[in-house]
């Protein structure tokens, strides 16, 4: 009986270990997918922002670039188990400072555009990127929330929240660009950029507290 019980306990432990390993592998795949997507999203949206001189696209692209950094930190945490929470907090605070600088820059560019110091042109490529982001990012956020529930990972839960925030930012920017393009008026674009800055500042505040990657 003892041997049978021991064998059963060992089997359960092996099964639990295999299940955890499978979940971690899925997390790595989703984080790798996030990094690939965010690299393309940040590069294309920043390129479109430069071409169209769009403050809204600039805000979205800059936030995407910083979220790429955050996703890389989470992947690093699940690949390198020796990485401590102190390193994660430091990375979160760097991201927070970058977000503060982004919010300041976007505000300055937006005010300049509203005052007539910059003239932007319509960007259909930018709108296409934003439409794609509104579809892809909520899906990624849902997958990450499920995996964070399975592992109890605060880092992954926070990264899921950031993916959802990216979807909100893309929707705000899309409304601004579409209004500017179809109604032939310039002010919706910088107004959309200004509307996105509170979300960026909120994300920066959480990051500076060490929470952008789920650190408490």
C-alpha atoms as a PDB file:
ATOM      1  CA  UNK A   1       0.000   0.000   0.000  1.00  0.00           C
ATOM      2  CA  UNK A   2       2.798   2.369   0.891  1.00  0.00           C
ATOM      3  CA  UNK A   3       4.483   1.734  -2.444  1.00  0.00           C
ATOM      4  CA  UNK A   4       1.235   2.294  -4.326  1.00  0.00           C
ATOM      5  CA  UNK A   5       0.537   5.536  -2.438  1.00  0.00           C
ATOM      6  CA  UNK A   6       4.066   6.765  -3.047  1.00  0.00           C
ATOM      7  CA  UNK A   7       3.822   5.941  -6.736  1.00  0.00           C
ATOM      8  CA  UNK A   8       0.476   7.742  -6.989  1.00  0.00           C
ATOM      9  CA  UNK A   9       1.877  10.824  -5.224  1.00  0.00           C
ATOM     10  CA  UNK A  10       4.926  10.836  -7.512  1.00  0.00           C
ATOM     11  CA  UNK A  11       2.671  10.546 -10.571  1.00  0.00           C
ATOM     12  CA  UNK A  12       0.541  13.492  -9.401  1.00  0.00           C
ATOM     13  CA  UNK A  13       3.651  15.562  -8.815  1.00  0.00           C
ATOM     14  CA  UNK A  14       5.022  14.730 -12.273  1.00  0.00           C
ATOM     15  CA  UNK A  15       1.652  15.575 -13.852  1.00  0.00           C
ATOM     16  CA  UNK A  16       1.493  18.912 -12.010  1.00  0.00           C
ATOM     17  CA  UNK A  17       5.048  19.696 -13.077  1.00  0.00           C
ATOM     18  CA  UNK A  18       4.240  18.876 -16.698  1.00  0.00           C
ATOM     19  CA  UNK A  19       1.144  21.106 -16.552  1.00  0.00           C
ATOM     20  CA  UNK A  20       3.135  24.032 -15.147  1.00  0.00           C
ATOM     21  CA  UNK A  21       5.821  23.502 -17.775  1.00  0.00           C
ATOM     22  CA  UNK A  22       3.163  23.568 -20.499  1.00  0.00           C
ATOM     23  CA  UNK A  23       1.683  26.830 -19.154  1.00  0.00           C
ATOM     24  CA  UNK A  24       5.124  28.443 -18.951  1.00  0.00           C
ATOM     25  CA  UNK A  25       5.831  27.372 -22.546  1.00  0.00           C
ATOM     26  CA  UNK A  26       2.564  28.980 -23.635  1.00  0.00           C
ATOM     27  CA  UNK A  27       3.479  32.175 -21.775  1.00  0.00           C
ATOM     28  CA  UNK A  28       6.816  32.290 -23.560  1.00  0.00           C
ATOM     29  CA  UNK A  29       5.094  31.820 -26.916  1.00  0.00           C
ATOM     30  CA  UNK A  30       2.576  34.592 -26.244  1.00  0.00           C
ATOM     31  CA  UNK A  31       5.279  36.957 -24.979  1.00  0.00           C
ATOM     32  CA  UNK A  32       7.382  36.223 -28.058  1.00  0.00           C
ATOM     33  CA  UNK A  33       4.331  36.918 -30.224  1.00  0.00           C
ATOM     34  CA  UNK A  34       3.741  40.153 -28.294  1.00  0.00           C
ATOM     35  CA  UNK A  35       7.339  41.260 -28.853  1.00  0.00           C
ATOM     36  CA  UNK A  36       7.126  40.544 -32.595  1.00  0.00           C
ATOM     37  CA  UNK A  37       3.812  42.398 -32.870  1.00  0.00           C
ATOM     38  CA  UNK A  38       4.896  45.362 -30.721  1.00  0.00           C
ATOM     39  CA  UNK A  39       8.120  45.719 -32.721  1.00  0.00           C
ATOM     40  CA  UNK A  40       6.146  45.993 -35.963  1.00  0.00           C
ATOM     41  CA  UNK A  41       3.448  48.156 -34.367  1.00  0.00           C
ATOM     42  CA  UNK A  42       5.900  50.622 -32.822  1.00  0.00           C
ATOM     43  CA  UNK A  43       8.073  50.884 -35.934  1.00  0.00           C
ATOM     44  CA  UNK A  44       5.173  51.350 -38.359  1.00  0.00           C
ATOM     45  CA  UNK A  45       3.189  53.757 -36.187  1.00  0.00           C
ATOM     46  CA  UNK A  46       6.232  55.940 -35.437  1.00  0.00           C
ATOM     47  CA  UNK A  47       7.118  55.947 -39.146  1.00  0.00           C
ATOM     48  CA  UNK A  48       3.528  56.947 -39.996  1.00  0.00           C
ATOM     49  CA  UNK A  49       3.603  59.614 -37.259  1.00  0.00           C
ATOM     50  CA  UNK A  50       6.777  61.114 -38.724  1.00  0.00           C
ATOM     51  CA  UNK A  51       5.354  61.060 -42.256  1.00  0.00           C
ATOM     52  CA  UNK A  52       1.999  62.568 -41.280  1.00  0.00           C
ATOM     53  CA  UNK A  53       3.280  64.719 -38.382  1.00  0.00           C
ATOM     54  CA  UNK A  54       0.525  63.179 -36.274  1.00  0.00           C
ATOM     55  CA  UNK A  55       0.640  63.732 -32.481  1.00  0.00           C
ATOM     56  CA  UNK A  56      -1.933  60.964 -31.913  1.00  0.00           C
ATOM     57  CA  UNK A  57       0.160  58.414 -33.810  1.00  0.00           C
ATOM     58  CA  UNK A  58       3.248  59.664 -31.983  1.00  0.00           C
ATOM     59  CA  UNK A  59       1.582  59.007 -28.616  1.00  0.00           C
ATOM     60  CA  UNK A  60       0.459  55.549 -29.686  1.00  0.00           C
ATOM     61  CA  UNK A  61       3.797  54.595 -31.264  1.00  0.00           C
ATOM     62  CA  UNK A  62       5.830  55.830 -28.317  1.00  0.00           C
ATOM     63  CA  UNK A  63       3.686  53.886 -25.866  1.00  0.00           C
ATOM     64  CA  UNK A  64       3.981  50.797 -28.088  1.00  0.00           C
ATOM     65  CA  UNK A  65       7.782  51.070 -27.996  1.00  0.00           C
ATOM     66  CA  UNK A  66       7.768  51.226 -24.194  1.00  0.00           C
ATOM     67  CA  UNK A  67       5.318  48.309 -23.966  1.00  0.00           C
ATOM     68  CA  UNK A  68       7.744  46.353 -26.148  1.00  0.00           C
ATOM     69  CA  UNK A  69      10.330  46.911 -23.424  1.00  0.00           C
ATOM     70  CA  UNK A  70       7.844  45.736 -20.775  1.00  0.00           C
ATOM     71  CA  UNK A  71       6.932  42.585 -22.712  1.00  0.00           C
ATOM     72  CA  UNK A  72      10.634  41.786 -23.070  1.00  0.00           C
ATOM     73  CA  UNK A  73      11.074  42.067 -19.284  1.00  0.00           C
ATOM     74  CA  UNK A  74       8.203  39.616 -18.667  1.00  0.00           C
ATOM     75  CA  UNK A  75       9.648  37.142 -21.174  1.00  0.00           C
ATOM     76  CA  UNK A  76      13.030  37.480 -19.491  1.00  0.00           C
ATOM     77  CA  UNK A  77      11.394  36.704 -16.121  1.00  0.00           C
ATOM     78  CA  UNK A  78       9.903  33.470 -17.457  1.00  0.00           C
ATOM     79  CA  UNK A  79      13.112  32.420 -19.214  1.00  0.00           C
ATOM     80  CA  UNK A  80      15.594  33.297 -16.476  1.00  0.00           C
ATOM     81  CA  UNK A  81      14.345  32.072 -13.090  1.00  0.00           C
ATOM     82  CA  UNK A  82      17.369  33.661 -11.395  1.00  0.00           C
ATOM     83  CA  UNK A  83      16.078  37.132 -12.298  1.00  0.00           C
ATOM     84  CA  UNK A  84      14.919  38.758  -9.079  1.00  0.00           C
ATOM     85  CA  UNK A  85      12.077  41.145  -8.331  1.00  0.00           C
ATOM     86  CA  UNK A  86      14.590  43.941  -7.694  1.00  0.00           C
ATOM     87  CA  UNK A  87      15.714  43.823 -11.334  1.00  0.00           C
ATOM     88  CA  UNK A  88      12.083  43.759 -12.439  1.00  0.00           C
ATOM     89  CA  UNK A  89      11.253  46.827 -10.344  1.00  0.00           C
ATOM     90  CA  UNK A  90      14.239  48.686 -11.771  1.00  0.00           C
ATOM     91  CA  UNK A  91      13.112  47.876 -15.318  1.00  0.00           C
ATOM     92  CA  UNK A  92       9.578  49.039 -14.467  1.00  0.00           C
ATOM     93  CA  UNK A  93      10.869  52.370 -13.166  1.00  0.00           C
ATOM     94  CA  UNK A  94      12.941  52.937 -16.299  1.00  0.00           C
ATOM     95  CA  UNK A  95       9.781  52.327 -18.324  1.00  0.00           C
ATOM     96  CA  UNK A  96       7.921  54.759 -16.050  1.00  0.00           C
ATOM     97  CA  UNK A  97      10.449  57.537 -16.648  1.00  0.00           C
ATOM     98  CA  UNK A  98      10.279  56.951 -20.393  1.00  0.00           C
ATOM     99  CA  UNK A  99       6.481  57.200 -20.244  1.00  0.00           C
ATOM    100  CA  UNK A 100       6.695  60.513 -18.352  1.00  0.00           C
ATOM    101  CA  UNK A 101       9.027  61.906 -21.029  1.00  0.00           C
ATOM    102  CA  UNK A 102       6.676  60.597 -23.724  1.00  0.00           C
ATOM    103  CA  UNK A 103       3.674  62.313 -22.103  1.00  0.00           C
ATOM    104  CA  UNK A 104       5.563  65.618 -21.866  1.00  0.00           C
ATOM    105  CA  UNK A 105       6.738  65.417 -25.480  1.00  0.00           C
ATOM    106  CA  UNK A 106       3.304  64.443 -26.826  1.00  0.00           C
ATOM    107  CA  UNK A 107       1.689  67.316 -24.894  1.00  0.00           C
ATOM    108  CA  UNK A 108       4.195  69.826 -26.291  1.00  0.00           C
ATOM    109  CA  UNK A 109       3.771  68.554 -29.873  1.00  0.00           C
ATOM    110  CA  UNK A 110      -0.022  68.545 -29.549  1.00  0.00           C
ATOM    111  CA  UNK A 111      -0.179  72.095 -28.205  1.00  0.00           C
ATOM    112  CA  UNK A 112       2.148  73.206 -31.001  1.00  0.00           C
ATOM    113  CA  UNK A 113      -0.148  71.590 -33.565  1.00  0.00           C
ATOM    114  CA  UNK A 114      -3.228  73.245 -32.055  1.00  0.00           C
ATOM    115  CA  UNK A 115      -1.469  76.619 -32.195  1.00  0.00           C
ATOM    116  CA  UNK A 116      -0.624  76.073 -35.857  1.00  0.00           C
ATOM    117  CA  UNK A 117       3.103  75.432 -35.518  1.00  0.00           C
ATOM    118  CA  UNK A 118       2.833  72.075 -37.280  1.00  0.00           C
ATOM    119  CA  UNK A 119       0.603  70.902 -40.091  1.00  0.00           C
ATOM    120  CA  UNK A 120      -0.156  67.220 -40.340  1.00  0.00           C
ATOM    121  CA  UNK A 121      -1.418  65.213 -43.282  1.00  0.00           C
ATOM    122  CA  UNK A 122      -3.814  62.267 -43.320  1.00  0.00           C
ATOM    123  CA  UNK A 123      -2.314  58.833 -42.785  1.00  0.00           C
ATOM    124  CA  UNK A 124      -4.271  55.854 -44.085  1.00  0.00           C
ATOM    125  CA  UNK A 125      -1.329  53.600 -43.212  1.00  0.00           C
ATOM    126  CA  UNK A 126      -1.505  54.899 -39.637  1.00  0.00           C
ATOM    127  CA  UNK A 127      -5.244  54.218 -39.485  1.00  0.00           C
ATOM    128  CA  UNK A 128      -4.675  50.672 -40.781  1.00  0.00           C
ATOM    129  CA  UNK A 129      -2.138  50.042 -37.991  1.00  0.00           C
ATOM    130  CA  UNK A 130      -4.564  51.393 -35.394  1.00  0.00           C
ATOM    131  CA  UNK A 131      -7.422  49.230 -36.684  1.00  0.00           C
ATOM    132  CA  UNK A 132      -5.172  46.166 -36.482  1.00  0.00           C
ATOM    133  CA  UNK A 133      -4.146  47.086 -32.925  1.00  0.00           C
ATOM    134  CA  UNK A 134      -7.780  47.424 -31.792  1.00  0.00           C
ATOM    135  CA  UNK A 135      -8.335  43.839 -32.967  1.00  0.00           C
ATOM    136  CA  UNK A 136      -5.071  42.179 -31.916  1.00  0.00           C
ATOM    137  CA  UNK A 137      -4.365  43.758 -28.518  1.00  0.00           C
ATOM    138  CA  UNK A 138      -7.647  42.783 -26.762  1.00  0.00           C
ATOM    139  CA  UNK A 139      -7.127  39.185 -27.927  1.00  0.00           C
ATOM    140  CA  UNK A 140      -3.566  39.170 -26.558  1.00  0.00           C
ATOM    141  CA  UNK A 141      -4.803  40.705 -23.299  1.00  0.00           C
ATOM    142  CA  UNK A 142      -7.431  37.948 -22.850  1.00  0.00           C
ATOM    143  CA  UNK A 143      -4.884  35.181 -23.457  1.00  0.00           C
ATOM    144  CA  UNK A 144      -2.449  36.708 -20.961  1.00  0.00           C
ATOM    145  CA  UNK A 145      -5.164  37.096 -18.314  1.00  0.00           C
ATOM    146  CA  UNK A 146      -6.013  33.386 -18.620  1.00  0.00           C
ATOM    147  CA  UNK A 147      -2.356  32.391 -18.301  1.00  0.00           C
ATOM    148  CA  UNK A 148      -1.771  34.755 -15.363  1.00  0.00           C
ATOM    149  CA  UNK A 149      -4.736  33.150 -13.570  1.00  0.00           C
ATOM    150  CA  UNK A 150      -3.209  29.713 -14.167  1.00  0.00           C
ATOM    151  CA  UNK A 151       0.203  30.727 -12.813  1.00  0.00           C
ATOM    152  CA  UNK A 152      -0.709  33.464 -10.314  1.00  0.00           C
ATOM    153  CA  UNK A 153       1.794  35.715 -12.066  1.00  0.00           C
ATOM    154  CA  UNK A 154       1.323  39.383 -11.186  1.00  0.00           C
ATOM    155  CA  UNK A 155       3.876  40.275 -13.867  1.00  0.00           C
ATOM    156  CA  UNK A 156       1.802  38.670 -16.588  1.00  0.00           C
ATOM    157  CA  UNK A 157      -1.438  40.120 -15.200  1.00  0.00           C
ATOM    158  CA  UNK A 158       0.036  43.623 -15.373  1.00  0.00           C
ATOM    159  CA  UNK A 159       1.319  42.977 -18.891  1.00  0.00           C
ATOM    160  CA  UNK A 160      -2.216  41.921 -19.882  1.00  0.00           C
ATOM    161  CA  UNK A 161      -3.522  45.226 -18.493  1.00  0.00           C
ATOM    162  CA  UNK A 162      -0.933  47.098 -20.561  1.00  0.00           C
ATOM    163  CA  UNK A 163      -2.026  45.225 -23.694  1.00  0.00           C
ATOM    164  CA  UNK A 164      -5.606  46.338 -23.019  1.00  0.00           C
ATOM    165  CA  UNK A 165      -4.410  49.908 -22.433  1.00  0.00           C
ATOM    166  CA  UNK A 166      -2.715  49.764 -25.844  1.00  0.00           C
ATOM    167  CA  UNK A 167      -6.079  48.843 -27.366  1.00  0.00           C
ATOM    168  CA  UNK A 168      -7.722  51.873 -25.717  1.00  0.00           C
ATOM    169  CA  UNK A 169      -4.950  54.168 -26.962  1.00  0.00           C
ATOM    170  CA  UNK A 170      -5.289  52.804 -30.495  1.00  0.00           C
ATOM    171  CA  UNK A 171      -9.042  53.479 -30.439  1.00  0.00           C
ATOM    172  CA  UNK A 172      -8.546  57.069 -29.220  1.00  0.00           C
ATOM    173  CA  UNK A 173      -5.907  57.724 -31.889  1.00  0.00           C
ATOM    174  CA  UNK A 174      -8.050  56.097 -34.580  1.00  0.00           C
ATOM    175  CA  UNK A 175     -11.019  58.358 -33.775  1.00  0.00           C
ATOM    176  CA  UNK A 176      -8.755  61.426 -33.983  1.00  0.00           C
ATOM    177  CA  UNK A 177      -7.123  60.423 -37.272  1.00  0.00           C
ATOM    178  CA  UNK A 178     -10.397  59.364 -38.886  1.00  0.00           C
ATOM    179  CA  UNK A 179     -12.117  62.609 -37.896  1.00  0.00           C
ATOM    180  CA  UNK A 180      -9.213  64.656 -39.260  1.00  0.00           C
ATOM    181  CA  UNK A 181      -9.087  62.674 -42.514  1.00  0.00           C
ATOM    182  CA  UNK A 182     -12.790  62.501 -43.351  1.00  0.00           C
ATOM    183  CA  UNK A 183     -13.921  65.912 -42.097  1.00  0.00           C
ATOM    184  CA  UNK A 184     -10.790  67.705 -43.364  1.00  0.00           C
ATOM    185  CA  UNK A 185     -10.075  69.432 -40.050  1.00  0.00           C
ATOM    186  CA  UNK A 186      -6.777  69.366 -38.211  1.00  0.00           C
ATOM    187  CA  UNK A 187      -7.654  69.743 -34.539  1.00  0.00           C
ATOM    188  CA  UNK A 188      -9.036  66.188 -33.779  1.00  0.00           C
ATOM    189  CA  UNK A 189      -5.574  64.636 -34.187  1.00  0.00           C
ATOM    190  CA  UNK A 190      -3.766  66.671 -31.472  1.00  0.00           C
ATOM    191  CA  UNK A 191      -6.897  66.594 -29.290  1.00  0.00           C
ATOM    192  CA  UNK A 192      -6.862  62.777 -29.486  1.00  0.00           C
ATOM    193  CA  UNK A 193      -3.182  62.841 -28.527  1.00  0.00           C
ATOM    194  CA  UNK A 194      -3.943  65.042 -25.502  1.00  0.00           C
ATOM    195  CA  UNK A 195      -6.810  62.704 -24.567  1.00  0.00           C
ATOM    196  CA  UNK A 196      -4.372  59.777 -24.515  1.00  0.00           C
ATOM    197  CA  UNK A 197      -1.857  61.452 -22.174  1.00  0.00           C
ATOM    198  CA  UNK A 198      -3.835  60.741 -18.937  1.00  0.00           C
ATOM    199  CA  UNK A 199      -3.679  57.017 -19.756  1.00  0.00           C
ATOM    200  CA  UNK A 200       0.064  57.289 -20.419  1.00  0.00           C
ATOM    201  CA  UNK A 201       0.598  59.198 -17.147  1.00  0.00           C
ATOM    202  CA  UNK A 202      -1.445  56.604 -15.222  1.00  0.00           C
ATOM    203  CA  UNK A 203       0.700  53.844 -16.705  1.00  0.00           C
ATOM    204  CA  UNK A 204       3.838  55.824 -15.834  1.00  0.00           C
ATOM    205  CA  UNK A 205       2.689  56.256 -12.221  1.00  0.00           C
ATOM    206  CA  UNK A 206       2.094  52.536 -11.822  1.00  0.00           C
ATOM    207  CA  UNK A 207       5.485  51.796 -13.381  1.00  0.00           C
ATOM    208  CA  UNK A 208       7.314  54.226 -11.085  1.00  0.00           C
ATOM    209  CA  UNK A 209       5.738  52.416  -8.149  1.00  0.00           C
ATOM    210  CA  UNK A 210       7.283  49.228  -9.509  1.00  0.00           C
ATOM    211  CA  UNK A 211       3.962  47.817 -10.706  1.00  0.00           C
ATOM    212  CA  UNK A 212       4.299  47.910 -14.485  1.00  0.00           C
ATOM    213  CA  UNK A 213       5.510  44.351 -14.413  1.00  0.00           C
ATOM    214  CA  UNK A 214       3.369  43.348 -11.489  1.00  0.00           C
ATOM    215  CA  UNK A 215       5.854  44.233  -8.753  1.00  0.00           C
ATOM    216  CA  UNK A 216       4.347  45.274  -5.419  1.00  0.00           C
END
